[in-house]
Amino acid sequence: MAAEGERASDLPLRGVRVLELARNVAGPFATMILAELGADVVKVEHPVGGDDARQWGPPFWGGESPTFLALNRNKRSITLDLHEPGARPVLERLLGTSDVLVESFRPGFLDRLGYGYAWAASHTPRIVYCSITPYGDRGPLRDRPGYDPLMQARGGVMSVTGEPGRPPVRCGISVIDMGTGMWAAIAILAALGQRRATGRGQRIVTSLYETTLMWMAYHLASYWASGVAPSRVGSGTVMIAPYEAVATRDGHLVIAAGNDRLFGRLCQVLGHPEWARDDRFLRNEDRVRHRDALHATIEAVSRTWTTQELADALDRAGVPASPISSAAEVAADPQALALGIFQSAPHRTIPGFLSVGLPVLLDGVRPPLRRCPPVRGEHTAEVLAELRFSPEEIEALLRSAAVSGPGASERGSGE
């Protein structure tokens, strides 16, 4: 593992401390973005079980959940039971040294324990306090729990995902959770920038549901424009054609002929330049209206090619196209490898540990993997010492119900 602080001195959030009171996906993803940019993220986990994502599997990798590993790079972990009175002095000292607090508990939970925004702002007026909620802080659903698939359902994403005439499906990644984490990180960065001018922190509230609505923005605009709710179009999109997967002799190929010029080139490659003069296919709006006929027409020819043959021919003609890759193929993709986005570091239980880095370069350099995802409570004693607890106080805390080091029972913790 990289030495502490190694290669972090020139990262933009160096010197910023983030107190993470979050678990699962959205909150940890937000704080991981900040950690990648150089912030010192102190992740507070329950002494029993820790972050729920630690138990998500199989598979497990070296005894660790791949989901947890993917979302908790470059962080330090301490354990703290917020229900215990002994946790309060620790949390107060942590808050006093922090610039940002990120929490993703059920709405009202931290307020009931006395750790809501009013408490944080009274102790540390400069704190940027970010609450990641299911449905926001107002409205009839504000107190309900919420999870990624529920949001994809209620917010309409599943209504436009899948094939016509077949049951709706969930997007295969946690697009709502991770998207909400991104919005939270963006808002936190904006609040930190504003704090430089005002000297004051603020409260940020974001929600999974609002992220879902944002991802539905152009589908909602289409509904407002036409009065017709967009439907499922398989691998395609509702406003462009052809812009979808077509069958080949040995698989499928996604073709993205997003304008009339590219469609003409596609017709040339497939040996039917007359298609570009067909009244049904003249312009994009015509092709969208006759989507089914267009798809059948293209597939009648694409099925005579192998996937690679057609991909190569379209590439030579300048028509965007791609085979559909599995995770195994992505892991070996020469383009991904050339980008250096898969990063490695020595891990205590996982030989050959790999992780996906932040998808940005800063002055040509990708933010590094400085710390592997932590064992639950791995840094408890270290952080307590930084908070100026004496060795005797640290020893007493580690024996208490409020705080523990690594190795407590792996049962679930609840709220």
Protein backbone atom coordinates (compact mmCIF):
# COMPACT_ATOMS: atom_id res chain seq x y z
CA MET A 1 0.00 0.00 0.00
CA ALA A 2 1.19 3.49 -0.72
CA ALA A 3 2.78 5.24 2.22
CA GLU A 4 0.46 7.57 4.11
CA GLY A 5 0.20 10.86 2.30
CA GLU A 6 2.28 9.63 -0.64
CA ARG A 7 1.38 11.45 -3.88
CA ALA A 8 -1.42 13.33 -2.10
CA SER A 9 0.34 16.66 -1.61
CA ASP A 10 -0.82 18.14 -4.91
CA LEU A 11 -4.41 16.86 -4.87
CA PRO A 12 -7.03 19.65 -4.77
CA LEU A 13 -8.76 18.59 -1.51
CA ARG A 14 -5.56 18.12 0.49
CA GLY A 15 -6.21 19.37 4.04
CA VAL A 16 -9.99 18.82 3.86
CA ARG A 17 -11.40 16.33 6.35
CA VAL A 18 -14.68 14.52 5.66
CA LEU A 19 -16.62 12.78 8.42
CA GLU A 20 -18.61 9.94 6.85
CA LEU A 21 -21.70 8.71 8.68
CA ALA A 22 -22.95 6.75 5.69
CA ARG A 23 -23.24 3.20 4.43
CA ASN A 24 -24.31 1.09 1.47
CA VAL A 25 -23.70 2.91 -1.86
CA ALA A 26 -24.73 6.56 -2.31
CA GLY A 27 -23.01 8.11 0.72
CA PRO A 28 -19.82 6.03 0.50
CA PHE A 29 -19.57 6.77 -3.24
CA ALA A 30 -19.85 10.51 -2.57
CA THR A 31 -17.12 10.43 0.06
CA MET A 32 -14.92 8.20 -2.08
CA ILE A 33 -14.99 10.86 -4.81
CA LEU A 34 -13.82 13.40 -2.24
CA ALA A 35 -11.17 10.98 -0.96
CA GLU A 36 -9.89 10.43 -4.50
CA LEU A 37 -9.46 14.19 -4.78
CA GLY A 38 -7.27 14.22 -1.67
CA ALA A 39 -9.66 14.63 1.28
CA ASP A 40 -9.01 12.73 4.50
CA VAL A 41 -12.21 10.68 4.84
CA VAL A 42 -12.86 9.20 8.29
CA LYS A 43 -15.54 6.56 7.88
CA VAL A 44 -17.55 5.89 11.06
CA GLU A 45 -18.93 2.33 11.21
CA HIS A 46 -20.97 0.48 13.79
CA PRO A 47 -18.77 -1.75 15.98
CA VAL A 48 -20.90 -4.78 15.07
CA GLY A 49 -20.94 -5.54 11.37
CA GLY A 50 -19.95 -2.09 10.16
CA ASP A 51 -21.16 -0.79 6.82
CA ASP A 52 -23.96 -3.07 5.57
CA ALA A 53 -22.17 -3.36 2.23
CA ARG A 54 -19.43 -5.41 3.92
CA GLN A 55 -21.87 -8.35 4.00
CA TRP A 56 -23.02 -8.06 0.37
CA GLY A 57 -22.06 -11.27 -1.38
CA PRO A 58 -21.15 -13.80 -2.59
CA PRO A 59 -18.78 -13.44 -4.20
CA PHE A 60 -16.27 -12.34 -1.61
CA TRP A 61 -12.69 -11.43 -2.44
CA GLY A 62 -10.16 -12.30 0.23
CA GLY A 63 -13.06 -12.36 2.69
CA GLU A 64 -14.22 -8.88 1.65
CA SER A 65 -17.33 -7.81 -0.26
CA PRO A 66 -16.43 -6.59 -3.78
CA THR A 67 -19.11 -3.90 -3.44
CA PHE A 68 -17.52 -2.52 -0.28
CA LEU A 69 -14.06 -2.68 -1.84
CA ALA A 70 -15.26 -0.77 -4.90
CA LEU A 71 -16.75 2.12 -2.90
CA ASN A 72 -14.32 2.72 -0.04
CA ARG A 73 -10.85 3.39 -1.43
CA ASN A 74 -8.61 5.99 0.19
CA LYS A 75 -10.55 6.10 3.49
CA ARG A 76 -9.85 5.42 7.14
CA SER A 77 -12.33 3.44 9.25
CA ILE A 78 -13.18 3.85 12.91
CA THR A 79 -15.97 2.15 14.86
CA LEU A 80 -18.47 4.08 16.94
CA ASP A 81 -21.92 3.18 18.24
CA LEU A 82 -23.88 6.41 18.03
CA HIS A 83 -26.50 5.07 20.47
CA GLU A 84 -23.93 4.97 23.29
CA PRO A 85 -23.32 8.09 25.43
CA GLY A 86 -19.58 7.41 25.25
CA ALA A 87 -19.67 8.10 21.51
CA ARG A 88 -20.56 11.77 21.96
CA PRO A 89 -17.15 13.17 22.98
CA VAL A 90 -15.49 11.25 20.16
CA LEU A 91 -17.99 12.47 17.57
CA GLU A 92 -17.78 16.04 18.84
CA ARG A 93 -13.99 16.06 18.54
CA LEU A 94 -14.23 14.51 15.09
CA LEU A 95 -16.75 17.14 14.04
CA GLY A 96 -14.51 19.91 15.35
CA THR A 97 -11.68 18.78 13.07
CA SER A 98 -13.90 18.20 10.01
CA ASP A 99 -14.90 20.39 7.08
CA VAL A 100 -17.66 18.14 5.77
CA LEU A 101 -20.10 15.67 7.32
CA VAL A 102 -21.93 13.23 5.04
CA GLU A 103 -24.79 11.15 6.41
CA SER A 104 -27.25 8.76 4.78
CA PHE A 105 -29.35 7.43 7.64
CA ARG A 106 -33.11 7.26 7.49
CA PRO A 107 -34.54 10.81 7.78
CA GLY A 108 -34.77 11.92 11.41
CA PHE A 109 -32.53 9.20 12.81
CA LEU A 110 -29.56 11.46 13.63
CA ASP A 111 -31.87 14.19 14.91
CA ARG A 112 -33.37 11.75 17.40
CA LEU A 113 -29.87 10.89 18.64
CA GLY A 114 -28.96 14.58 18.92
CA TYR A 115 -26.54 14.58 15.95
CA GLY A 116 -28.61 16.45 13.36
CA TYR A 117 -27.64 19.61 11.50
CA ALA A 118 -28.57 21.94 14.39
CA TRP A 119 -26.11 20.10 16.65
CA ALA A 120 -23.37 20.11 14.02
CA ALA A 121 -23.78 23.79 13.10
CA SER A 122 -23.83 24.88 16.75
CA HIS A 123 -20.53 23.11 17.40
CA THR A 124 -18.85 23.85 14.06
CA PRO A 125 -20.46 26.71 12.09
CA ARG A 126 -18.09 26.10 9.17
CA ILE A 127 -19.31 22.54 8.67
CA VAL A 128 -20.78 21.52 5.32
CA TYR A 129 -23.42 19.00 6.38
CA CYS A 130 -24.74 16.79 3.57
CA SER A 131 -27.79 14.57 4.07
CA ILE A 132 -28.40 11.91 1.43
CA THR A 133 -32.05 10.91 1.73
CA PRO A 134 -34.48 8.62 -0.08
CA TYR A 135 -37.13 11.21 -1.07
CA GLY A 136 -35.85 14.58 0.15
CA ASP A 137 -36.80 16.59 3.24
CA ARG A 138 -40.39 17.46 2.28
CA GLY A 139 -43.45 15.90 0.69
CA PRO A 140 -45.61 12.92 1.65
CA LEU A 141 -42.80 10.37 1.22
CA ARG A 142 -40.06 12.25 3.10
CA ASP A 143 -39.93 9.75 5.98
CA ARG A 144 -40.03 6.57 3.91
CA PRO A 145 -37.00 4.37 3.34
CA GLY A 146 -35.83 4.05 -0.25
CA TYR A 147 -33.42 1.98 -2.30
CA ASP A 148 -32.10 2.05 -5.85
CA PRO A 149 -34.62 -0.40 -7.42
CA LEU A 150 -37.54 1.33 -5.72
CA MET A 151 -36.41 4.63 -7.21
CA GLN A 152 -35.95 3.15 -10.67
CA ALA A 153 -39.53 1.91 -10.34
CA ARG A 154 -41.25 4.99 -8.88
CA GLY A 155 -39.21 7.54 -10.82
CA GLY A 156 -39.98 5.97 -14.19
CA VAL A 157 -36.60 4.53 -15.16
CA MET A 158 -37.94 0.99 -15.32
CA SER A 159 -40.79 2.16 -17.55
CA VAL A 160 -38.25 3.01 -20.27
CA THR A 161 -35.79 0.15 -19.63
CA GLY A 162 -36.24 -3.24 -21.26
CA GLU A 163 -37.81 -4.61 -24.41
CA PRO A 164 -41.28 -3.80 -25.76
CA GLY A 165 -43.94 -6.26 -24.65
CA ARG A 166 -41.75 -7.78 -21.96
CA PRO A 167 -41.53 -7.06 -18.22
CA PRO A 168 -39.61 -3.94 -17.18
CA VAL A 169 -36.09 -4.47 -15.90
CA ARG A 170 -33.79 -2.63 -13.54
CA CYS A 171 -30.66 -1.02 -14.94
CA GLY A 172 -27.84 -3.46 -14.15
CA ILE A 173 -25.80 -0.98 -12.11
CA SER A 174 -26.76 1.09 -9.06
CA VAL A 175 -27.23 4.09 -11.31
CA ILE A 176 -29.49 5.97 -8.85
CA ASP A 177 -27.31 5.38 -5.80
CA MET A 178 -24.08 6.26 -7.57
CA GLY A 179 -25.67 9.20 -9.37
CA THR A 180 -26.86 10.60 -6.05
CA GLY A 181 -23.35 10.21 -4.68
CA MET A 182 -22.06 12.27 -7.61
CA TRP A 183 -24.63 15.04 -7.04
CA ALA A 184 -23.74 15.08 -3.35
CA ALA A 185 -20.03 15.43 -4.16
CA ILE A 186 -20.72 18.24 -6.63
CA ALA A 187 -22.83 20.12 -4.09
CA ILE A 188 -20.19 19.64 -1.38
CA LEU A 189 -17.48 21.05 -3.63
CA ALA A 190 -19.70 24.04 -4.42
CA ALA A 191 -20.40 24.61 -0.71
CA LEU A 192 -16.70 24.45 0.14
CA GLY A 193 -16.05 27.04 -2.55
CA GLN A 194 -18.77 29.30 -1.17
CA ARG A 195 -17.42 28.87 2.35
CA ARG A 196 -14.13 30.40 1.26
CA ALA A 197 -16.05 33.61 0.55
CA THR A 198 -18.51 33.60 3.48
CA GLY A 199 -16.68 31.68 6.20
CA ARG A 200 -19.88 29.74 6.90
CA GLY A 201 -20.95 26.21 6.19
CA GLN A 202 -24.40 25.09 5.12
CA ARG A 203 -26.71 22.12 4.94
CA ILE A 204 -27.07 20.16 1.71
CA VAL A 205 -29.98 17.80 1.12
CA THR A 206 -30.12 15.51 -1.87
CA SER A 207 -32.14 12.39 -2.56
CA LEU A 208 -32.28 9.24 -4.59
CA TYR A 209 -35.68 10.21 -5.95
CA GLU A 210 -34.51 13.60 -7.22
CA THR A 211 -31.58 11.94 -8.98
CA THR A 212 -34.05 9.59 -10.66
CA LEU A 213 -36.10 12.56 -11.84
CA MET A 214 -32.98 14.23 -13.22
CA TRP A 215 -32.04 11.09 -15.15
CA MET A 216 -35.59 11.11 -16.57
CA ALA A 217 -35.27 14.75 -17.70
CA TYR A 218 -35.50 14.26 -21.45
CA HIS A 219 -38.14 11.54 -21.15
CA LEU A 220 -40.25 13.92 -19.06
CA ALA A 221 -39.66 16.71 -21.59
CA SER A 222 -40.85 14.34 -24.33
CA TYR A 223 -44.00 13.63 -22.33
CA TRP A 224 -44.66 17.33 -21.70
CA ALA A 225 -44.14 18.01 -25.42
CA SER A 226 -46.37 15.23 -26.75
CA GLY A 227 -48.64 14.04 -23.95
CA VAL A 228 -47.40 10.52 -24.68
CA ALA A 229 -45.29 8.66 -22.11
CA PRO A 230 -42.11 7.19 -23.67
CA SER A 231 -42.08 3.40 -23.81
CA ARG A 232 -39.41 0.72 -23.67
CA VAL A 233 -37.31 0.39 -26.83
CA GLY A 234 -34.84 -2.30 -25.81
CA SER A 235 -31.24 -1.28 -26.41
CA GLY A 236 -32.30 1.78 -28.39
CA THR A 237 -33.34 5.30 -27.47
CA VAL A 238 -36.67 6.93 -28.15
CA MET A 239 -35.50 9.91 -30.22
CA ILE A 240 -32.77 8.50 -32.50
CA ALA A 241 -32.71 5.59 -34.95
CA PRO A 242 -30.76 3.45 -35.65
CA TYR A 243 -29.16 3.75 -32.22
CA GLU A 244 -29.31 0.23 -30.78
CA ALA A 245 -28.07 -3.35 -30.87
CA VAL A 246 -28.65 -5.45 -33.98
CA ALA A 247 -28.20 -9.18 -34.34
CA THR A 248 -25.23 -10.58 -36.23
CA ARG A 249 -24.36 -14.11 -37.28
CA ASP A 250 -22.65 -14.81 -33.96
CA GLY A 251 -23.96 -12.19 -31.51
CA HIS A 252 -24.95 -8.53 -31.38
CA LEU A 253 -23.43 -5.19 -32.32
CA VAL A 254 -24.53 -1.74 -31.13
CA ILE A 255 -24.75 0.75 -33.98
CA ALA A 256 -25.04 4.47 -33.28
CA ALA A 257 -25.85 6.15 -36.60
CA GLY A 258 -27.04 9.31 -34.92
CA ASN A 259 -27.52 11.56 -37.95
CA ASP A 260 -28.42 11.39 -41.65
CA ARG A 261 -24.80 11.39 -42.81
CA LEU A 262 -23.88 8.41 -40.62
CA PHE A 263 -27.03 6.58 -41.66
CA GLY A 264 -26.01 7.00 -45.30
CA ARG A 265 -22.60 5.49 -44.53
CA LEU A 266 -24.26 2.60 -42.71
CA CYS A 267 -26.41 1.91 -45.77
CA GLN A 268 -23.29 1.88 -47.96
CA VAL A 269 -21.52 -0.64 -45.71
CA LEU A 270 -24.56 -2.92 -45.68
CA GLY A 271 -24.74 -2.77 -49.47
CA HIS A 272 -28.04 -0.92 -49.70
CA PRO A 273 -27.44 2.78 -50.44
CA GLU A 274 -31.06 3.04 -51.60
CA TRP A 275 -32.25 2.83 -47.97
CA ALA A 276 -31.03 6.39 -47.45
CA ARG A 277 -33.46 7.50 -50.18
CA ASP A 278 -36.43 5.53 -48.84
CA ASP A 279 -39.17 7.92 -47.73
CA ARG A 280 -39.48 6.01 -44.46
CA PHE A 281 -35.81 6.58 -43.62
CA LEU A 282 -34.93 9.96 -45.13
CA ARG A 283 -34.51 11.89 -41.89
CA ASN A 284 -34.04 10.90 -38.29
CA GLU A 285 -37.65 11.75 -37.45
CA ASP A 286 -38.78 9.44 -40.27
CA ARG A 287 -36.57 6.64 -39.03
CA VAL A 288 -37.87 7.06 -35.48
CA ARG A 289 -41.47 6.83 -36.72
CA HIS A 290 -40.63 3.66 -38.67
CA ARG A 291 -38.26 2.23 -36.06
CA ASP A 292 -39.54 -1.35 -36.26
CA ALA A 293 -39.35 -1.53 -40.05
CA LEU A 294 -35.87 0.02 -40.01
CA HIS A 295 -34.63 -2.46 -37.41
CA ALA A 296 -35.97 -5.43 -39.36
CA THR A 297 -34.47 -4.10 -42.59
CA ILE A 298 -31.01 -3.67 -41.05
CA GLU A 299 -31.07 -7.01 -39.23
CA ALA A 300 -31.94 -8.92 -42.39
CA VAL A 301 -28.45 -7.94 -43.60
CA SER A 302 -26.49 -7.67 -40.33
CA ARG A 303 -27.31 -11.31 -39.56
CA THR A 304 -25.17 -12.32 -42.55
CA TRP A 305 -22.05 -10.74 -40.98
CA THR A 306 -20.08 -11.81 -37.95
CA THR A 307 -19.92 -9.24 -35.17
CA GLN A 308 -16.25 -8.52 -35.71
CA GLU A 309 -16.55 -8.32 -39.51
CA LEU A 310 -19.34 -5.77 -39.29
CA ALA A 311 -17.63 -3.83 -36.50
CA ASP A 312 -14.45 -3.56 -38.58
CA ALA A 313 -16.33 -2.51 -41.72
CA LEU A 314 -18.28 0.17 -39.88
CA ASP A 315 -15.11 1.43 -38.22
CA ARG A 316 -13.46 1.85 -41.60
CA ALA A 317 -16.51 3.79 -42.79
CA GLY A 318 -16.53 6.01 -39.71
CA VAL A 319 -19.85 4.70 -38.35
CA PRO A 320 -19.79 4.40 -34.53
CA ALA A 321 -20.36 0.80 -33.45
CA SER A 322 -19.31 -1.53 -30.66
CA PRO A 323 -19.59 -5.17 -29.72
CA ILE A 324 -21.23 -5.81 -26.34
CA SER A 325 -18.51 -6.68 -23.83
CA SER A 326 -18.76 -8.79 -20.69
CA ALA A 327 -17.06 -7.72 -17.46
CA ALA A 328 -14.29 -10.21 -18.26
CA GLU A 329 -13.73 -8.58 -21.64
CA VAL A 330 -13.81 -5.08 -20.15
CA ALA A 331 -11.16 -6.10 -17.60
CA ALA A 332 -8.84 -7.04 -20.50
CA ASP A 333 -9.83 -4.23 -22.89
CA PRO A 334 -6.65 -2.64 -24.33
CA GLN A 335 -8.30 0.80 -24.20
CA ALA A 336 -9.10 0.48 -20.49
CA LEU A 337 -5.58 -0.79 -19.82
CA ALA A 338 -4.03 2.06 -21.80
CA LEU A 339 -5.95 4.60 -19.72
CA GLY A 340 -4.48 3.21 -16.49
CA ILE A 341 -7.84 3.48 -14.75
CA PHE A 342 -7.43 0.03 -13.15
CA GLN A 343 -5.18 0.70 -10.17
CA SER A 344 -3.44 -1.71 -7.84
CA ALA A 345 -1.86 -1.62 -4.40
CA PRO A 346 -0.69 -4.28 -1.92
CA HIS A 347 -3.70 -5.56 0.04
CA ARG A 348 -3.57 -7.47 3.32
CA THR A 349 -5.72 -10.41 2.12
CA ILE A 350 -6.10 -10.02 -1.66
CA PRO A 351 -3.09 -10.81 -3.86
CA GLY A 352 -3.28 -8.81 -7.08
CA PHE A 353 -5.88 -6.37 -5.72
CA LEU A 354 -7.32 -4.08 -8.41
CA SER A 355 -9.75 -1.18 -8.23
CA VAL A 356 -11.26 1.32 -10.66
CA GLY A 357 -9.86 4.81 -10.22
CA LEU A 358 -11.56 8.18 -10.61
CA PRO A 359 -12.46 8.79 -14.29
CA VAL A 360 -10.59 12.09 -14.55
CA LEU A 361 -7.01 13.26 -15.08
CA LEU A 362 -5.67 16.26 -13.18
CA ASP A 363 -2.80 17.81 -15.13
CA GLY A 364 -2.48 14.50 -16.96
CA VAL A 365 -2.36 12.40 -13.78
CA ARG A 366 -5.11 10.20 -12.37
CA PRO A 367 -5.66 10.57 -8.61
CA PRO A 368 -3.83 7.63 -7.03
CA LEU A 369 -4.94 4.71 -4.91
CA ARG A 370 -3.30 5.81 -1.67
CA ARG A 371 -5.11 3.48 0.73
CA CYS A 372 -6.82 0.17 0.07
CA PRO A 373 -10.39 -0.06 1.44
CA PRO A 374 -10.08 -0.35 5.22
CA VAL A 375 -10.87 -3.22 7.54
CA ARG A 376 -13.71 -2.22 9.86
CA GLY A 377 -12.25 -0.12 12.66
CA GLU A 378 -8.72 -0.38 11.26
CA HIS A 379 -7.85 3.22 12.13
CA THR A 380 -9.79 3.67 15.36
CA ALA A 381 -6.78 4.02 17.67
CA GLU A 382 -4.92 6.16 15.12
CA VAL A 383 -7.78 8.66 14.76
CA LEU A 384 -8.43 8.79 18.51
CA ALA A 385 -4.79 9.69 19.03
CA GLU A 386 -5.09 12.46 16.44
CA LEU A 387 -8.08 13.76 18.39
CA ARG A 388 -5.79 14.10 21.44
CA PHE A 389 -7.28 11.34 23.54
CA SER A 390 -4.62 10.07 25.95
CA PRO A 391 -3.32 6.48 25.68
CA GLU A 392 -5.32 5.61 28.79
CA GLU A 393 -8.50 7.15 27.35
CA ILE A 394 -7.98 5.31 24.07
CA GLU A 395 -7.56 1.99 25.87
CA ALA A 396 -10.73 2.61 27.86
CA LEU A 397 -12.67 3.59 24.75
CA LEU A 398 -11.53 0.48 22.88
CA ARG A 399 -12.90 -1.62 25.74
CA SER A 400 -16.19 0.30 25.86
CA ALA A 401 -19.48 -0.37 24.11
CA ALA A 402 -19.14 2.90 22.18
CA VAL A 403 -15.86 2.23 20.37
CA SER A 404 -13.93 -0.83 19.31
CA GLY A 405 -10.98 -1.74 17.15
CA PRO A 406 -10.84 -4.39 14.41
CA GLY A 407 -12.30 -7.83 14.93
CA ALA A 408 -15.73 -7.45 16.53
CA SER A 409 -18.48 -9.90 15.64
CA GLU A 410 -19.75 -9.62 12.05
CA ARG A 411 -23.48 -9.47 12.81
CA GLY A 412 -25.67 -6.83 11.21
CA SER A 413 -25.94 -3.56 13.11
CA GLY A 414 -29.20 -1.97 11.97
CA GLU A 415 -29.64 1.72 12.71
